[in-house]
Amino acid sequence: MSSTIYLVSGLPRSGTSLMMQMLHSGGLPAVTDRIRTADDDNPRGYYELEDVKRTTDWIGDAGGKVVKLISQLLMELPETGHQYKVIFMRRRLDEVLASQRKMLVRRGEESPQEQLDSDMKELFIAHLEEVEMWLRSRSDVSSLFINYNRLVTDPRPIAERINLFLGGTLNEDAMVAAVDPDLYRNRS
């Protein structure tokens, strides 16, 4: 049986957790295992499902629900007869890198140096181009690109676009209320 699976994707630290919170608040059931709990980097939680990193077995239970899938795994989606609706988060790459660096420091891991940031930025640019080409190439995938930076400063029109893209049944007021501009901490 074919059904629609809703996906939130993007680079790590691009706003995917915020989008999951918005969609869940708006009334879309989220597939999550709650293994990765809220912390200083994501005080409202990550909304992740660890199984997406190892298998595609989760797809059978995801019809009509939203799943978070980082961009590196997006291109591994099998053609299953399902339709995929992807909300792809975009954020300024300097902010993504700064957020990742701060998260590594909080975890006690080594923080990348500026040269590594420059190299990583180039890798991210190439990866995002590849993902966008892949999204356009699949007939079972439709996508909506969301700018995180605009979302946190003016969520209403973006919530309206998202609701229209997903069929018009979500609670836009609840989606907007899920956006906390105070959590936009790594600005460039």
N, C-alpha and C. Protein backbone atom coordinates (compact mmCIF):
# COMPACT_ATOMS: atom_id res chain seq x y z
N MET A 1 0.84 -1.18 0.00
CA MET A 1 0.00 0.00 0.00
C MET A 1 0.88 1.25 0.00
N SER A 2 0.63 2.11 -0.90
CA SER A 2 1.39 3.35 -1.03
C SER A 2 0.82 4.43 -0.11
N SER A 3 1.71 5.19 0.51
CA SER A 3 1.30 6.32 1.33
C SER A 3 2.41 7.36 1.30
N THR A 4 2.10 8.51 1.87
CA THR A 4 3.08 9.58 1.89
C THR A 4 3.86 9.55 3.19
N ILE A 5 5.17 9.68 3.06
CA ILE A 5 6.06 9.79 4.22
C ILE A 5 6.64 11.20 4.17
N TYR A 6 6.54 11.89 5.29
CA TYR A 6 7.04 13.26 5.39
C TYR A 6 8.43 13.21 6.02
N LEU A 7 9.35 13.92 5.41
CA LEU A 7 10.73 13.92 5.88
C LEU A 7 11.21 15.35 6.12
N VAL A 8 11.97 15.53 7.19
CA VAL A 8 12.67 16.78 7.44
C VAL A 8 14.15 16.46 7.28
N SER A 9 14.81 17.23 6.42
CA SER A 9 16.21 16.94 6.14
C SER A 9 17.00 18.24 6.05
N GLY A 10 18.30 18.08 6.02
CA GLY A 10 19.23 19.19 5.93
C GLY A 10 20.55 18.79 6.56
N LEU A 11 21.48 19.70 6.53
CA LEU A 11 22.76 19.46 7.21
C LEU A 11 22.52 19.41 8.72
N PRO A 12 23.39 18.71 9.45
CA PRO A 12 23.30 18.80 10.91
C PRO A 12 23.45 20.26 11.34
N ARG A 13 22.66 20.68 12.31
CA ARG A 13 22.67 22.04 12.87
C ARG A 13 22.06 23.07 11.93
N SER A 14 21.18 22.61 11.02
CA SER A 14 20.55 23.54 10.06
C SER A 14 19.12 23.90 10.42
N GLY A 15 18.62 23.39 11.54
CA GLY A 15 17.26 23.71 11.95
C GLY A 15 16.28 22.56 11.79
N THR A 16 16.79 21.36 11.58
CA THR A 16 15.89 20.22 11.39
C THR A 16 15.09 19.90 12.64
N SER A 17 15.69 20.05 13.81
CA SER A 17 14.94 19.79 15.05
C SER A 17 13.82 20.80 15.23
N LEU A 18 14.09 22.05 14.94
CA LEU A 18 13.04 23.07 15.02
C LEU A 18 11.90 22.73 14.07
N MET A 19 12.21 22.32 12.86
CA MET A 19 11.15 21.98 11.92
C MET A 19 10.34 20.79 12.41
N MET A 20 11.01 19.80 12.98
CA MET A 20 10.28 18.66 13.55
C MET A 20 9.34 19.13 14.65
N GLN A 21 9.81 20.03 15.51
CA GLN A 21 8.97 20.58 16.58
C GLN A 21 7.75 21.29 15.99
N MET A 22 7.97 22.09 14.96
CA MET A 22 6.87 22.82 14.34
C MET A 22 5.82 21.86 13.77
N LEU A 23 6.28 20.86 13.03
CA LEU A 23 5.35 19.93 12.39
C LEU A 23 4.59 19.12 13.43
N HIS A 24 5.30 18.67 14.45
CA HIS A 24 4.66 17.90 15.51
C HIS A 24 3.64 18.77 16.25
N SER A 25 4.01 20.01 16.57
CA SER A 25 3.08 20.93 17.23
C SER A 25 1.88 21.22 16.35
N GLY A 26 2.09 21.25 15.04
CA GLY A 26 1.01 21.52 14.10
C GLY A 26 0.07 20.36 13.88
N GLY A 27 0.41 19.18 14.41
CA GLY A 27 -0.49 18.04 14.32
C GLY A 27 0.00 16.86 13.52
N LEU A 28 1.22 16.89 13.02
CA LEU A 28 1.75 15.76 12.25
C LEU A 28 2.48 14.82 13.21
N PRO A 29 2.08 13.56 13.27
CA PRO A 29 2.77 12.62 14.17
C PRO A 29 4.23 12.46 13.78
N ALA A 30 5.11 12.46 14.76
CA ALA A 30 6.55 12.33 14.53
C ALA A 30 7.02 10.94 14.91
N VAL A 31 7.87 10.35 14.08
CA VAL A 31 8.49 9.07 14.38
C VAL A 31 9.82 9.39 15.05
N THR A 32 9.93 9.07 16.33
CA THR A 32 11.13 9.34 17.10
C THR A 32 11.27 8.27 18.16
N ASP A 33 12.50 8.02 18.60
CA ASP A 33 12.71 7.02 19.65
C ASP A 33 13.08 7.65 20.98
N ARG A 34 13.28 8.95 21.02
CA ARG A 34 13.61 9.70 22.24
C ARG A 34 14.91 9.22 22.90
N ILE A 35 15.78 8.58 22.13
CA ILE A 35 17.07 8.14 22.68
C ILE A 35 17.96 9.35 22.93
N ARG A 36 18.04 10.24 21.97
CA ARG A 36 18.84 11.46 22.13
C ARG A 36 17.95 12.52 22.77
N THR A 37 18.25 12.84 24.00
CA THR A 37 17.40 13.73 24.77
C THR A 37 17.84 15.19 24.63
N ALA A 38 16.99 16.08 25.08
CA ALA A 38 17.28 17.51 25.04
C ALA A 38 18.57 17.80 25.80
N ASP A 39 19.30 18.82 25.32
CA ASP A 39 20.53 19.24 25.98
C ASP A 39 20.74 20.72 25.69
N ASP A 40 21.89 21.27 26.03
CA ASP A 40 22.14 22.69 25.82
C ASP A 40 22.12 23.08 24.34
N ASP A 41 22.45 22.15 23.47
CA ASP A 41 22.48 22.45 22.04
C ASP A 41 21.08 22.41 21.42
N ASN A 42 20.21 21.59 21.94
CA ASN A 42 18.81 21.49 21.50
C ASN A 42 17.93 21.35 22.74
N PRO A 43 17.62 22.47 23.41
CA PRO A 43 16.87 22.40 24.67
C PRO A 43 15.46 21.83 24.54
N ARG A 44 14.94 21.78 23.33
CA ARG A 44 13.60 21.21 23.13
C ARG A 44 13.63 19.81 22.54
N GLY A 45 14.82 19.27 22.39
CA GLY A 45 14.95 17.90 21.91
C GLY A 45 15.33 17.81 20.45
N TYR A 46 15.74 16.61 20.05
CA TYR A 46 16.26 16.38 18.71
C TYR A 46 15.26 15.75 17.74
N TYR A 47 14.27 15.06 18.25
CA TYR A 47 13.25 14.40 17.40
C TYR A 47 13.90 13.44 16.41
N GLU A 48 14.79 12.59 16.90
CA GLU A 48 15.51 11.69 16.02
C GLU A 48 15.06 10.24 16.18
N LEU A 49 15.37 9.45 15.20
CA LEU A 49 15.14 8.01 15.19
C LEU A 49 16.46 7.37 14.79
N GLU A 50 17.10 6.69 15.74
CA GLU A 50 18.42 6.09 15.49
C GLU A 50 18.40 5.08 14.34
N ASP A 51 17.29 4.37 14.15
CA ASP A 51 17.22 3.35 13.11
C ASP A 51 17.48 3.89 11.70
N VAL A 52 17.22 5.18 11.47
CA VAL A 52 17.42 5.71 10.12
C VAL A 52 18.89 5.64 9.70
N LYS A 53 19.79 5.53 10.68
CA LYS A 53 21.22 5.47 10.39
C LYS A 53 21.67 4.07 9.97
N ARG A 54 20.85 3.06 10.26
CA ARG A 54 21.27 1.68 10.04
C ARG A 54 20.46 0.89 9.02
N THR A 55 19.20 1.28 8.84
CA THR A 55 18.29 0.46 8.05
C THR A 55 17.20 1.33 7.45
N THR A 56 16.46 0.77 6.51
CA THR A 56 15.28 1.46 5.99
C THR A 56 14.00 0.76 6.44
N ASP A 57 14.10 -0.13 7.42
CA ASP A 57 12.93 -0.85 7.92
C ASP A 57 11.87 0.09 8.50
N TRP A 58 12.28 1.25 8.98
CA TRP A 58 11.36 2.22 9.57
C TRP A 58 10.34 2.75 8.57
N ILE A 59 10.64 2.65 7.29
CA ILE A 59 9.77 3.22 6.25
C ILE A 59 8.38 2.61 6.31
N GLY A 60 8.29 1.33 6.58
CA GLY A 60 6.99 0.66 6.62
C GLY A 60 6.04 1.21 7.66
N ASP A 61 6.57 1.79 8.73
CA ASP A 61 5.74 2.34 9.80
C ASP A 61 5.61 3.86 9.75
N ALA A 62 6.15 4.49 8.72
CA ALA A 62 6.22 5.95 8.70
C ALA A 62 5.16 6.63 7.84
N GLY A 63 4.29 5.87 7.20
CA GLY A 63 3.26 6.48 6.36
C GLY A 63 2.40 7.46 7.15
N GLY A 64 2.24 8.66 6.63
CA GLY A 64 1.43 9.68 7.28
C GLY A 64 2.11 10.36 8.44
N LYS A 65 3.39 10.07 8.65
CA LYS A 65 4.14 10.63 9.78
C LYS A 65 5.39 11.35 9.26
N VAL A 66 6.03 12.10 10.16
CA VAL A 66 7.24 12.83 9.80
C VAL A 66 8.46 12.22 10.48
N VAL A 67 9.53 12.09 9.72
CA VAL A 67 10.78 11.50 10.19
C VAL A 67 11.91 12.47 9.86
N LYS A 68 12.84 12.60 10.78
CA LYS A 68 14.03 13.43 10.55
C LYS A 68 15.12 12.56 9.94
N LEU A 69 15.69 13.04 8.84
CA LEU A 69 16.70 12.27 8.11
C LEU A 69 17.76 13.25 7.61
N ILE A 70 18.97 13.16 8.18
CA ILE A 70 20.00 14.11 7.75
C ILE A 70 20.28 13.94 6.26
N SER A 71 20.77 15.00 5.66
CA SER A 71 20.92 15.03 4.20
C SER A 71 21.83 13.92 3.67
N GLN A 72 22.82 13.50 4.45
CA GLN A 72 23.72 12.44 3.99
C GLN A 72 22.96 11.12 3.78
N LEU A 73 21.87 10.91 4.51
CA LEU A 73 21.11 9.67 4.38
C LEU A 73 19.94 9.79 3.42
N LEU A 74 19.58 10.99 3.06
CA LEU A 74 18.42 11.22 2.21
C LEU A 74 18.53 10.47 0.89
N MET A 75 19.71 10.49 0.30
CA MET A 75 19.88 9.89 -1.02
C MET A 75 19.89 8.36 -0.98
N GLU A 76 19.77 7.79 0.21
CA GLU A 76 19.68 6.33 0.33
C GLU A 76 18.24 5.84 0.39
N LEU A 77 17.28 6.76 0.28
CA LEU A 77 15.87 6.35 0.33
C LEU A 77 15.55 5.41 -0.82
N PRO A 78 14.98 4.26 -0.52
CA PRO A 78 14.64 3.33 -1.60
C PRO A 78 13.34 3.73 -2.28
N GLU A 79 13.19 3.29 -3.50
CA GLU A 79 11.91 3.45 -4.20
C GLU A 79 11.03 2.31 -3.73
N THR A 80 9.98 2.66 -2.98
CA THR A 80 9.17 1.64 -2.31
C THR A 80 7.70 1.69 -2.69
N GLY A 81 7.31 2.61 -3.52
CA GLY A 81 5.89 2.82 -3.80
C GLY A 81 5.31 3.93 -2.95
N HIS A 82 6.05 4.36 -1.93
CA HIS A 82 5.65 5.51 -1.12
C HIS A 82 5.97 6.80 -1.86
N GLN A 83 5.27 7.83 -1.51
CA GLN A 83 5.63 9.18 -1.94
C GLN A 83 6.34 9.83 -0.76
N TYR A 84 7.40 10.56 -1.04
CA TYR A 84 8.14 11.27 -0.01
C TYR A 84 7.95 12.77 -0.20
N LYS A 85 7.57 13.45 0.86
CA LYS A 85 7.50 14.91 0.85
C LYS A 85 8.60 15.39 1.79
N VAL A 86 9.59 16.07 1.23
CA VAL A 86 10.78 16.47 1.96
C VAL A 86 10.76 17.97 2.23
N ILE A 87 10.89 18.32 3.50
CA ILE A 87 11.14 19.71 3.87
C ILE A 87 12.63 19.79 4.15
N PHE A 88 13.32 20.54 3.30
CA PHE A 88 14.77 20.60 3.39
C PHE A 88 15.19 21.94 3.98
N MET A 89 15.89 21.87 5.10
CA MET A 89 16.31 23.08 5.81
C MET A 89 17.62 23.60 5.25
N ARG A 90 17.63 24.90 5.02
CA ARG A 90 18.85 25.60 4.60
C ARG A 90 19.18 26.63 5.67
N ARG A 91 20.45 26.76 5.97
CA ARG A 91 20.92 27.75 6.94
C ARG A 91 22.27 28.25 6.46
N ARG A 92 22.60 29.49 6.78
CA ARG A 92 23.90 30.03 6.41
C ARG A 92 24.99 29.06 6.88
N LEU A 93 25.89 28.70 5.97
CA LEU A 93 26.90 27.69 6.30
C LEU A 93 27.84 28.15 7.41
N ASP A 94 28.13 29.43 7.50
CA ASP A 94 28.96 29.91 8.61
C ASP A 94 28.29 29.65 9.95
N GLU A 95 26.97 29.76 9.99
CA GLU A 95 26.23 29.48 11.22
C GLU A 95 26.20 27.99 11.53
N VAL A 96 26.03 27.17 10.50
CA VAL A 96 26.06 25.72 10.69
C VAL A 96 27.40 25.31 11.29
N LEU A 97 28.48 25.83 10.71
CA LEU A 97 29.82 25.49 11.20
C LEU A 97 30.05 25.99 12.62
N ALA A 98 29.61 27.20 12.93
CA ALA A 98 29.77 27.74 14.28
C ALA A 98 28.98 26.91 15.28
N SER A 99 27.78 26.51 14.92
CA SER A 99 26.95 25.70 15.81
C SER A 99 27.58 24.33 16.05
N GLN A 100 28.10 23.73 14.98
CA GLN A 100 28.77 22.43 15.12
C GLN A 100 30.00 22.55 16.01
N ARG A 101 30.78 23.63 15.83
CA ARG A 101 31.98 23.85 16.63
C ARG A 101 31.62 23.98 18.11
N LYS A 102 30.59 24.76 18.42
CA LYS A 102 30.17 24.93 19.82
C LYS A 102 29.68 23.62 20.42
N MET A 103 28.98 22.83 19.63
CA MET A 103 28.50 21.55 20.13
C MET A 103 29.68 20.63 20.44
N LEU A 104 30.68 20.61 19.58
CA LEU A 104 31.87 19.79 19.83
C LEU A 104 32.58 20.22 21.10
N VAL A 105 32.70 21.52 21.31
CA VAL A 105 33.35 22.03 22.52
C VAL A 105 32.57 21.60 23.76
N ARG A 106 31.24 21.71 23.72
CA ARG A 106 30.42 21.29 24.87
C ARG A 106 30.59 19.81 25.18
N ARG A 107 30.81 19.03 24.14
CA ARG A 107 30.99 17.58 24.32
C ARG A 107 32.42 17.22 24.73
N GLY A 108 33.30 18.22 24.77
CA GLY A 108 34.68 17.96 25.13
C GLY A 108 35.51 17.44 23.98
N GLU A 109 35.00 17.59 22.77
CA GLU A 109 35.73 17.16 21.58
C GLU A 109 36.49 18.36 21.02
N GLU A 110 37.47 18.07 20.23
CA GLU A 110 38.30 19.13 19.66
C GLU A 110 37.49 19.98 18.69
N SER A 111 37.68 21.28 18.76
CA SER A 111 37.00 22.21 17.87
C SER A 111 37.82 22.40 16.60
N PRO A 112 37.18 22.32 15.43
CA PRO A 112 37.92 22.51 14.17
C PRO A 112 38.51 23.91 14.07
N GLN A 113 39.64 23.99 13.42
CA GLN A 113 40.29 25.28 13.19
C GLN A 113 39.66 25.95 11.98
N GLU A 114 40.01 27.22 11.77
CA GLU A 114 39.42 27.98 10.67
C GLU A 114 39.66 27.33 9.31
N GLN A 115 40.84 26.79 9.08
CA GLN A 115 41.12 26.15 7.79
C GLN A 115 40.21 24.95 7.59
N LEU A 116 40.00 24.18 8.65
CA LEU A 116 39.09 23.05 8.54
C LEU A 116 37.68 23.53 8.25
N ASP A 117 37.26 24.66 8.86
CA ASP A 117 35.95 25.24 8.57
C ASP A 117 35.83 25.57 7.09
N SER A 118 36.87 26.17 6.54
CA SER A 118 36.86 26.54 5.13
C SER A 118 36.73 25.29 4.25
N ASP A 119 37.49 24.26 4.57
CA ASP A 119 37.40 23.00 3.83
C ASP A 119 36.02 22.37 3.97
N MET A 120 35.50 22.39 5.20
CA MET A 120 34.19 21.80 5.46
C MET A 120 33.10 22.56 4.72
N LYS A 121 33.23 23.86 4.65
CA LYS A 121 32.24 24.67 3.94
C LYS A 121 32.20 24.27 2.46
N GLU A 122 33.35 24.06 1.86
CA GLU A 122 33.40 23.63 0.46
C GLU A 122 32.76 22.26 0.28
N LEU A 123 33.02 21.36 1.21
CA LEU A 123 32.39 20.03 1.16
C LEU A 123 30.87 20.13 1.29
N PHE A 124 30.41 20.98 2.20
CA PHE A 124 28.97 21.18 2.38
C PHE A 124 28.32 21.73 1.11
N ILE A 125 28.97 22.69 0.47
CA ILE A 125 28.43 23.28 -0.75
C ILE A 125 28.28 22.20 -1.83
N ALA A 126 29.30 21.39 -2.01
CA ALA A 126 29.24 20.31 -3.00
C ALA A 126 28.17 19.29 -2.63
N HIS A 127 28.07 18.96 -1.36
CA HIS A 127 27.07 17.99 -0.91
C HIS A 127 25.66 18.52 -1.16
N LEU A 128 25.42 19.77 -0.82
CA LEU A 128 24.09 20.35 -1.00
C LEU A 128 23.69 20.39 -2.48
N GLU A 129 24.64 20.67 -3.36
CA GLU A 129 24.36 20.64 -4.80
C GLU A 129 23.97 19.23 -5.23
N GLU A 130 24.68 18.23 -4.73
CA GLU A 130 24.38 16.84 -5.06
C GLU A 130 22.99 16.45 -4.56
N VAL A 131 22.65 16.84 -3.34
CA VAL A 131 21.34 16.51 -2.77
C VAL A 131 20.22 17.17 -3.58
N GLU A 132 20.40 18.42 -3.95
CA GLU A 132 19.37 19.12 -4.72
C GLU A 132 19.15 18.45 -6.08
N MET A 133 20.23 18.01 -6.73
CA MET A 133 20.09 17.29 -8.00
C MET A 133 19.34 15.98 -7.78
N TRP A 134 19.65 15.28 -6.70
CA TRP A 134 18.98 14.02 -6.40
C TRP A 134 17.49 14.26 -6.15
N LEU A 135 17.15 15.29 -5.38
CA LEU A 135 15.75 15.59 -5.10
C LEU A 135 14.97 15.84 -6.39
N ARG A 136 15.58 16.53 -7.34
CA ARG A 136 14.90 16.82 -8.61
C ARG A 136 14.79 15.57 -9.49
N SER A 137 15.65 14.59 -9.27
CA SER A 137 15.69 13.42 -10.15
C SER A 137 14.68 12.34 -9.79
N ARG A 138 14.11 12.40 -8.60
CA ARG A 138 13.22 11.32 -8.15
C ARG A 138 11.75 11.71 -8.35
N SER A 139 11.02 10.88 -9.08
CA SER A 139 9.60 11.17 -9.32
C SER A 139 8.74 10.91 -8.09
N ASP A 140 9.26 10.15 -7.13
CA ASP A 140 8.49 9.85 -5.91
C ASP A 140 8.81 10.83 -4.78
N VAL A 141 9.57 11.88 -5.08
CA VAL A 141 9.97 12.85 -4.06
C VAL A 141 9.55 14.25 -4.50
N SER A 142 8.87 14.95 -3.60
CA SER A 142 8.64 16.38 -3.80
C SER A 142 9.28 17.10 -2.62
N SER A 143 9.78 18.29 -2.86
CA SER A 143 10.54 18.96 -1.81
C SER A 143 10.18 20.43 -1.70
N LEU A 144 10.37 20.93 -0.50
CA LEU A 144 10.18 22.34 -0.17
C LEU A 144 11.41 22.77 0.61
N PHE A 145 12.08 23.81 0.12
CA PHE A 145 13.28 24.31 0.78
C PHE A 145 12.89 25.46 1.70
N ILE A 146 13.36 25.38 2.94
CA ILE A 146 13.04 26.38 3.96
C ILE A 146 14.32 27.03 4.46
N ASN A 147 14.33 28.35 4.47
CA ASN A 147 15.46 29.11 4.97
C ASN A 147 15.30 29.28 6.48
N TYR A 148 16.18 28.64 7.24
CA TYR A 148 16.13 28.70 8.71
C TYR A 148 16.21 30.14 9.21
N ASN A 149 17.08 30.93 8.62
CA ASN A 149 17.29 32.30 9.07
C ASN A 149 16.01 33.13 8.96
N ARG A 150 15.26 32.94 7.89
CA ARG A 150 13.97 33.63 7.75
C ARG A 150 12.93 33.04 8.68
N LEU A 151 12.97 31.74 8.83
CA LEU A 151 11.99 31.06 9.67
C LEU A 151 11.98 31.60 11.09
N VAL A 152 13.15 31.77 11.68
CA VAL A 152 13.19 32.19 13.09
C VAL A 152 12.84 33.67 13.26
N THR A 153 12.95 34.45 12.19
CA THR A 153 12.62 35.87 12.31
C THR A 153 11.19 36.19 11.88
N ASP A 154 10.61 35.36 11.01
CA ASP A 154 9.25 35.60 10.53
C ASP A 154 8.58 34.26 10.19
N PRO A 155 8.15 33.51 11.21
CA PRO A 155 7.68 32.15 10.98
C PRO A 155 6.31 32.03 10.31
N ARG A 156 5.45 33.02 10.43
CA ARG A 156 4.07 32.89 9.93
C ARG A 156 3.99 32.55 8.44
N PRO A 157 4.61 33.33 7.54
CA PRO A 157 4.47 32.99 6.12
C PRO A 157 5.10 31.64 5.76
N ILE A 158 6.12 31.26 6.49
CA ILE A 158 6.75 29.97 6.22
C ILE A 158 5.87 28.84 6.71
N ALA A 159 5.24 29.00 7.86
CA ALA A 159 4.29 27.99 8.34
C ALA A 159 3.15 27.81 7.34
N GLU A 160 2.70 28.91 6.75
CA GLU A 160 1.64 28.83 5.74
C GLU A 160 2.10 28.05 4.52
N ARG A 161 3.33 28.30 4.05
CA ARG A 161 3.88 27.58 2.89
C ARG A 161 4.00 26.09 3.19
N ILE A 162 4.49 25.78 4.39
CA ILE A 162 4.67 24.38 4.78
C ILE A 162 3.32 23.68 4.83
N ASN A 163 2.34 24.32 5.45
CA ASN A 163 1.01 23.73 5.57
C ASN A 163 0.42 23.47 4.19
N LEU A 164 0.54 24.40 3.28
CA LEU A 164 0.05 24.22 1.92
C LEU A 164 0.76 23.04 1.25
N PHE A 165 2.08 22.97 1.39
CA PHE A 165 2.87 21.89 0.79
C PHE A 165 2.45 20.52 1.33
N LEU A 166 2.07 20.47 2.60
CA LEU A 166 1.73 19.18 3.23
C LEU A 166 0.23 18.88 3.21
N GLY A 167 -0.58 19.69 2.54
CA GLY A 167 -1.98 19.35 2.36
C GLY A 167 -2.97 20.24 3.07
N GLY A 168 -2.51 21.20 3.85
CA GLY A 168 -3.40 22.19 4.44
C GLY A 168 -4.14 21.79 5.69
N THR A 169 -3.71 20.75 6.38
CA THR A 169 -4.45 20.31 7.57
C THR A 169 -3.76 20.63 8.90
N LEU A 170 -2.59 21.27 8.85
CA LEU A 170 -1.84 21.53 10.08
C LEU A 170 -2.33 22.81 10.78
N ASN A 171 -2.08 22.89 12.07
CA ASN A 171 -2.42 24.05 12.88
C ASN A 171 -1.27 25.05 12.76
N GLU A 172 -1.46 26.07 11.94
CA GLU A 172 -0.39 27.03 11.68
C GLU A 172 -0.05 27.85 12.93
N ASP A 173 -1.04 28.18 13.74
CA ASP A 173 -0.77 28.93 14.97
C ASP A 173 0.16 28.15 15.89
N ALA A 174 -0.09 26.85 16.03
CA ALA A 174 0.76 26.01 16.87
C ALA A 174 2.16 25.89 16.28
N MET A 175 2.24 25.83 14.97
CA MET A 175 3.55 25.76 14.31
C MET A 175 4.35 27.03 14.60
N VAL A 176 3.72 28.17 14.45
CA VAL A 176 4.39 29.45 14.71
C VAL A 176 4.81 29.55 16.17
N ALA A 177 3.95 29.10 17.07
CA ALA A 177 4.25 29.17 18.51
C ALA A 177 5.45 28.31 18.88
N ALA A 178 5.77 27.30 18.07
CA ALA A 178 6.90 26.42 18.36
C ALA A 178 8.25 27.10 18.09
N VAL A 179 8.24 28.21 17.40
CA VAL A 179 9.48 28.92 17.05
C VAL A 179 9.85 29.86 18.19
N ASP A 180 11.02 29.65 18.77
CA ASP A 180 11.52 30.51 19.84
C ASP A 180 12.76 31.24 19.33
N PRO A 181 12.62 32.52 18.95
CA PRO A 181 13.77 33.25 18.41
C PRO A 181 14.95 33.31 19.37
N ASP A 182 14.73 33.15 20.68
CA ASP A 182 15.83 33.17 21.63
C ASP A 182 16.77 31.98 21.46
N LEU A 183 16.30 30.93 20.79
CA LEU A 183 17.16 29.77 20.57
C LEU A 183 18.01 29.92 19.29
N TYR A 184 17.86 31.01 18.60
CA TYR A 184 18.70 31.31 17.43
C TYR A 184 19.96 31.98 17.96
N ARG A 185 20.97 31.15 18.28
CA ARG A 185 22.13 31.64 19.01
C ARG A 185 23.39 31.78 18.19
N ASN A 186 23.50 31.09 17.09
CA ASN A 186 24.72 31.13 16.27
C ASN A 186 24.42 31.88 14.98
N ARG A 187 24.53 33.18 15.07
CA ARG A 187 24.21 34.05 13.93
C ARG A 187 25.47 34.52 13.24
N SER A 188 25.35 34.71 11.93
CA SER A 188 26.50 35.26 11.20
C SER A 188 26.12 36.58 10.56
